[in-house]
Amino acid sequence: MIELIGDLGFCYGVNHAIETLSKAAEENHSVFLTHPLLHNKKENESLLRKNHASVLSPETDTANGAVVFSAHGHAPDEEKEYPHARLYDATCPLILRRYEAISKAGDLAIVFLGKRGHQETVAFMGRFPDFLFVDCRGDIEKQLDAMKLEGKRTGLVPQTTVGKSVYDRCLVYLKTKTDLRFALPICPIYEKRHNDVLTYFAGKNPSQYYLVVCGDLSSSNANELLTSALVSYPGLAGTIAMEASDINLADVAPRQIVLCSSTSASRESVLRLKAELEKKTEKDQ
């Protein structure tokens, strides 16, 4: 049997984006996405087929059609590119609340911690060009040292799915060396799944387990779930997959497979992957 860890399926923000896309499809003949709705190729392809939609290309004529912005947010200037289309904003409500809260933050040096080039980062930096950007994949302390923030009034805004350990390092630095006035948390749904995975392996021999994160390799939260577990429990092995064929089961045996869900994989996809893995492992036994 394949054991499931934590909650399954899309997060609230992704479900909100799917509802927005469905509404656009009901109200318009032509529907276009500025970016993939979420970071999962298979889920996006399914959603595009279901909602007779397509991703924009430079040649796309959006006149009299609907343009849907992704769950990760977008810079306001993007909306000006489609003057003759109906616009639908699928931005995650958590991100929208952050935009509003930050607008009222006052005169602070605000640090944005995120992945360079990620759509959420692009959207935040487009809306708040005075933010100080820290790349979560680089040397956190070195980047912050270069900003010379000692003693200044600061705020911290993380990409919602940035790694918890990286977020904690940035938070400690700002608390220690600056007058930190506020620090927004990472996404609570993602953080709960992260904690559920780490709690599952506490007290176990990690070398006996193989962790499969149901998700796409392009997904930040899927990568962070896997990386955090592998770093926290040396000896644990694992991968990110959407189908059983993505996994070489010869590399797994004799470990016990456990399965968790990224926030960009549907509940149906997780359960289908579980069933596929159980069928394959039973056949190989």
Protein backbone atom coordinates (compact mmCIF):
# COMPACT_ATOMS: atom_id res chain seq x y z
CA MET A 1 0.00 0.00 0.00
CA ILE A 2 1.09 3.57 -0.75
CA GLU A 3 0.59 5.82 2.26
CA LEU A 4 -0.67 9.38 1.80
CA ILE A 5 0.78 12.29 3.79
CA GLY A 6 -1.25 15.40 4.58
CA ASP A 7 -3.92 17.22 2.58
CA LEU A 8 -4.53 16.45 -1.08
CA GLY A 9 -5.27 18.55 -4.12
CA PHE A 10 -5.22 22.17 -5.17
CA CYS A 11 -4.89 25.01 -2.69
CA TYR A 12 -7.59 27.68 -2.34
CA GLY A 13 -5.75 30.04 -4.68
CA VAL A 14 -5.58 27.50 -7.51
CA ASN A 15 -9.26 26.57 -7.08
CA HIS A 16 -10.10 30.28 -7.26
CA ALA A 17 -8.09 30.58 -10.49
CA ILE A 18 -9.88 27.58 -12.01
CA GLU A 19 -13.26 29.11 -11.11
CA THR A 20 -12.19 32.36 -12.77
CA LEU A 21 -11.15 30.53 -15.94
CA SER A 22 -14.46 28.63 -16.00
CA LYS A 23 -16.39 31.88 -15.64
CA ALA A 24 -14.45 33.42 -18.54
CA ALA A 25 -15.18 30.34 -20.67
CA GLU A 26 -18.90 30.53 -19.91
CA GLU A 27 -19.11 34.20 -20.82
CA ASN A 28 -16.84 34.35 -23.89
CA HIS A 29 -16.26 32.44 -27.12
CA SER A 30 -12.47 32.97 -27.09
CA VAL A 31 -10.41 32.65 -23.91
CA PHE A 32 -6.69 33.32 -23.60
CA LEU A 33 -4.26 32.97 -20.70
CA THR A 34 -1.37 35.39 -20.32
CA HIS A 35 0.64 32.68 -18.54
CA PRO A 36 -0.11 29.07 -17.58
CA LEU A 37 -2.77 29.20 -14.87
CA LEU A 38 -0.60 27.15 -12.50
CA HIS A 39 2.82 25.49 -12.59
CA ASN A 40 1.75 22.05 -13.75
CA LYS A 41 1.84 21.16 -17.46
CA LYS A 42 -0.61 18.24 -17.31
CA GLU A 43 -3.15 20.10 -15.17
CA ASN A 44 -2.89 23.16 -17.42
CA GLU A 45 -3.45 21.10 -20.57
CA SER A 46 -6.56 19.57 -19.02
CA LEU A 47 -7.92 22.96 -17.98
CA LEU A 48 -7.28 24.47 -21.42
CA ARG A 49 -9.17 21.63 -23.14
CA LYS A 50 -12.07 21.82 -20.72
CA ASN A 51 -12.46 25.60 -21.10
CA HIS A 52 -11.71 25.96 -24.85
CA ALA A 53 -8.82 28.22 -23.91
CA SER A 54 -5.23 28.73 -25.06
CA VAL A 55 -2.09 30.48 -23.87
CA LEU A 56 -1.35 33.79 -25.58
CA SER A 57 1.31 34.05 -28.26
CA PRO A 58 2.67 37.29 -29.77
CA GLU A 59 0.42 36.78 -32.81
CA THR A 60 -2.81 36.27 -30.83
CA ASP A 61 -5.66 38.65 -31.62
CA THR A 62 -7.48 39.13 -28.30
CA ALA A 63 -10.10 41.59 -29.60
CA ASN A 64 -13.58 40.62 -28.38
CA GLY A 65 -12.12 37.73 -26.41
CA ALA A 66 -11.31 37.15 -22.75
CA VAL A 67 -7.84 37.41 -21.24
CA VAL A 68 -7.22 35.60 -17.95
CA PHE A 69 -4.27 36.50 -15.72
CA SER A 70 -2.65 33.65 -13.80
CA ALA A 71 -2.99 32.72 -10.12
CA HIS A 72 0.50 34.10 -9.42
CA GLY A 73 -0.41 37.74 -10.07
CA HIS A 74 0.66 40.24 -12.72
CA ALA A 75 2.08 43.74 -13.04
CA PRO A 76 -0.61 46.43 -13.65
CA ASP A 77 1.00 47.50 -16.94
CA GLU A 78 0.18 44.09 -18.41
CA GLU A 79 -3.51 44.97 -18.45
CA LYS A 80 -2.85 47.85 -20.87
CA GLU A 81 -1.70 45.37 -23.50
CA TYR A 82 -5.27 44.12 -24.08
CA PRO A 83 -7.45 47.22 -24.56
CA HIS A 84 -10.15 45.42 -26.54
CA ALA A 85 -10.47 42.26 -24.45
CA ARG A 86 -12.48 41.42 -21.36
CA LEU A 87 -10.03 40.97 -18.49
CA TYR A 88 -10.35 38.34 -15.75
CA ASP A 89 -8.03 38.39 -12.77
CA ALA A 90 -7.33 34.89 -11.40
CA THR A 91 -4.73 36.12 -8.88
CA CYS A 92 -4.72 34.16 -5.62
CA PRO A 93 -6.77 36.04 -2.97
CA LEU A 94 -3.86 35.68 -0.54
CA ILE A 95 -1.62 37.59 -2.96
CA LEU A 96 -4.30 40.24 -3.50
CA ARG A 97 -4.55 40.79 0.26
CA ARG A 98 -0.78 41.21 0.34
CA TYR A 99 -0.92 43.88 -2.34
CA GLU A 100 -3.45 45.80 -0.25
CA ALA A 101 -1.56 45.40 3.03
CA ILE A 102 1.76 46.45 1.52
CA SER A 103 0.22 49.55 -0.02
CA LYS A 104 -0.51 50.74 3.52
CA ALA A 105 2.88 49.81 4.98
CA GLY A 106 4.33 53.31 5.01
CA ASP A 107 7.95 54.37 4.57
CA LEU A 108 9.88 51.14 5.02
CA ALA A 109 12.68 49.31 3.24
CA ILE A 110 10.73 46.25 2.13
CA VAL A 111 12.59 43.07 1.22
CA PHE A 112 10.95 40.68 -1.24
CA LEU A 113 12.29 37.14 -0.91
CA GLY A 114 11.55 35.01 -3.94
CA LYS A 115 12.73 33.08 -6.97
CA ARG A 116 14.11 35.24 -9.78
CA GLY A 117 11.89 35.07 -12.86
CA HIS A 118 8.97 33.40 -11.06
CA GLN A 119 5.65 34.96 -12.10
CA GLU A 120 4.75 35.89 -8.51
CA THR A 121 8.10 37.68 -8.15
CA VAL A 122 7.65 39.47 -11.48
CA ALA A 123 4.17 40.62 -10.41
CA PHE A 124 5.29 41.92 -7.01
CA MET A 125 8.33 43.73 -8.38
CA GLY A 126 6.22 45.20 -11.17
CA ARG A 127 3.74 46.60 -8.67
CA PHE A 128 6.32 47.67 -6.11
CA PRO A 129 9.52 48.59 -8.00
CA ASP A 130 11.13 50.02 -4.84
CA PHE A 131 11.18 46.58 -3.17
CA LEU A 132 14.62 45.17 -2.40
CA PHE A 133 14.82 41.79 -4.12
CA VAL A 134 16.58 38.82 -2.49
CA ASP A 135 16.91 35.70 -4.63
CA CYS A 136 16.01 32.69 -2.46
CA ARG A 137 18.39 30.51 -4.46
CA GLY A 138 21.42 32.67 -3.67
CA ASP A 139 23.43 33.52 -0.56
CA ILE A 140 20.75 35.17 1.59
CA GLU A 141 23.03 36.86 4.12
CA LYS A 142 25.44 38.13 1.45
CA GLN A 143 22.62 39.71 -0.53
CA LEU A 144 21.20 41.37 2.59
CA ASP A 145 24.64 42.60 3.70
CA ALA A 146 25.02 44.38 0.35
CA MET A 147 21.78 46.31 0.99
CA LYS A 148 23.24 47.99 4.12
CA LEU A 149 20.00 47.77 6.09
CA GLU A 150 21.49 47.94 9.60
CA GLY A 151 19.22 49.92 11.90
CA LYS A 152 16.69 50.75 9.16
CA ARG A 153 12.94 50.19 9.44
CA THR A 154 12.18 47.15 7.31
CA GLY A 155 9.45 44.76 6.20
CA LEU A 156 9.65 41.26 4.75
CA VAL A 157 7.45 39.90 1.97
CA PRO A 158 8.16 36.32 0.84
CA GLN A 159 7.01 34.58 -2.31
CA THR A 160 4.14 32.50 -0.97
CA THR A 161 5.89 29.17 -1.67
CA VAL A 162 9.47 30.09 -0.81
CA GLY A 163 11.30 27.46 1.25
CA LYS A 164 10.64 27.71 4.98
CA SER A 165 14.29 27.36 5.97
CA VAL A 166 15.31 30.17 3.61
CA TYR A 167 12.45 32.33 4.88
CA ASP A 168 13.52 31.71 8.49
CA ARG A 169 17.11 32.72 7.70
CA CYS A 170 15.97 35.97 6.11
CA LEU A 171 13.63 36.64 9.03
CA VAL A 172 16.35 36.10 11.64
CA TYR A 173 18.74 38.41 9.79
CA LEU A 174 16.20 41.24 9.59
CA LYS A 175 15.13 40.81 13.22
CA THR A 176 18.74 40.86 14.37
CA LYS A 177 20.18 43.67 12.26
CA THR A 178 17.24 45.92 11.40
CA ASP A 179 14.13 47.45 12.92
CA LEU A 180 11.76 44.87 11.44
CA ARG A 181 8.20 46.25 11.51
CA PHE A 182 6.36 43.40 9.79
CA ALA A 183 6.99 40.04 8.14
CA LEU A 184 4.30 38.37 6.06
CA PRO A 185 4.20 34.56 6.34
CA ILE A 186 4.50 32.03 3.54
CA CYS A 187 1.27 30.45 2.28
CA PRO A 188 -0.39 28.69 5.26
CA ILE A 189 -1.67 25.81 3.11
CA TYR A 190 1.79 25.17 1.70
CA GLU A 191 3.36 25.53 5.15
CA LYS A 192 0.94 22.96 6.61
CA ARG A 193 1.80 20.43 3.91
CA HIS A 194 5.49 21.11 4.49
CA ASN A 195 5.07 20.51 8.23
CA ASP A 196 2.96 17.38 7.64
CA VAL A 197 5.72 15.84 5.53
CA LEU A 198 8.47 16.64 8.03
CA THR A 199 6.37 15.39 10.95
CA TYR A 200 5.64 12.10 9.17
CA PHE A 201 9.32 11.13 9.06
CA ALA A 202 10.13 12.17 12.64
CA GLY A 203 11.37 9.13 14.58
CA LYS A 204 11.49 6.93 11.46
CA ASN A 205 14.48 5.53 9.62
CA PRO A 206 14.45 7.70 6.46
CA SER A 207 16.50 5.20 4.47
CA GLN A 208 13.47 2.90 4.48
CA TYR A 209 11.24 5.39 2.65
CA TYR A 210 10.83 6.93 -0.80
CA LEU A 211 8.90 10.21 -0.96
CA VAL A 212 6.87 10.99 -4.08
CA VAL A 213 5.55 14.55 -4.38
CA CYS A 214 2.63 14.65 -6.81
CA GLY A 215 3.31 17.72 -8.90
CA ASP A 216 5.28 19.21 -11.76
CA LEU A 217 9.02 19.83 -11.89
CA SER A 218 8.30 23.51 -12.68
CA SER A 219 6.33 23.95 -9.44
CA SER A 220 8.10 25.90 -6.69
CA ASN A 221 6.00 24.36 -3.93
CA ALA A 222 6.55 20.81 -5.21
CA ASN A 223 10.31 21.37 -5.35
CA GLU A 224 10.37 22.96 -1.89
CA LEU A 225 8.39 20.08 -0.36
CA LEU A 226 10.81 17.52 -1.74
CA THR A 227 14.01 19.48 -1.07
CA SER A 228 13.05 20.31 2.51
CA ALA A 229 12.33 16.65 3.29
CA LEU A 230 15.56 15.39 1.70
CA VAL A 231 17.66 18.00 3.52
CA SER A 232 15.92 17.42 6.86
CA TYR A 233 16.23 13.63 6.67
CA PRO A 234 19.55 12.44 5.18
CA GLY A 235 19.09 8.97 3.76
CA LEU A 236 15.58 9.70 2.49
CA ALA A 237 15.10 9.41 -1.28
CA GLY A 238 12.35 10.82 -3.45
CA THR A 239 11.14 12.51 -6.60
CA ILE A 240 8.42 14.70 -8.14
CA ALA A 241 5.97 12.93 -10.44
CA MET A 242 2.53 13.14 -12.01
CA GLU A 243 2.43 9.58 -13.33
CA ALA A 244 3.90 6.27 -12.21
CA SER A 245 5.86 6.15 -15.47
CA ASP A 246 7.82 9.19 -14.23
CA ILE A 247 9.42 6.95 -11.57
CA ASN A 248 11.95 4.18 -12.06
CA LEU A 249 10.66 1.70 -9.50
CA ALA A 250 13.92 -0.24 -9.70
CA ASP A 251 15.49 2.71 -7.89
CA VAL A 252 12.81 2.60 -5.21
CA ALA A 253 12.88 -1.00 -3.97
CA PRO A 254 12.95 -2.08 -1.23
CA ARG A 255 11.86 1.28 0.20
CA GLN A 256 8.28 2.03 1.24
CA ILE A 257 6.70 4.65 -1.03
CA VAL A 258 4.86 7.52 0.64
CA LEU A 259 2.96 10.11 -1.36
CA CYS A 260 2.19 13.78 -0.70
CA SER A 261 0.46 16.45 -2.78
CA SER A 262 1.80 19.75 -4.01
CA THR A 263 -0.73 22.59 -4.13
CA SER A 264 -0.64 22.54 -7.95
CA ALA A 265 -1.87 18.95 -8.37
CA SER A 266 -5.54 18.04 -8.21
CA ARG A 267 -6.90 15.55 -5.69
CA GLU A 268 -7.89 13.33 -8.63
CA SER A 269 -4.31 13.36 -9.93
CA VAL A 270 -2.92 12.38 -6.54
CA LEU A 271 -5.35 9.48 -6.13
CA ARG A 272 -4.73 8.33 -9.71
CA LEU A 273 -0.97 8.35 -9.10
CA LYS A 274 -1.49 6.39 -5.88
CA ALA A 275 -3.52 3.75 -7.71
CA GLU A 276 -0.94 3.51 -10.53
CA LEU A 277 1.91 3.06 -8.05
CA GLU A 278 0.05 0.42 -6.10
CA LYS A 279 -0.70 -1.50 -9.28
CA LYS A 280 2.90 -1.35 -10.47
CA THR A 281 4.44 -2.26 -7.13
CA GLU A 282 2.04 -5.21 -6.69
CA LYS A 283 2.90 -6.45 -10.18
CA ASP A 284 6.63 -6.26 -9.48
CA GLN A 285 6.36 -8.21 -6.24
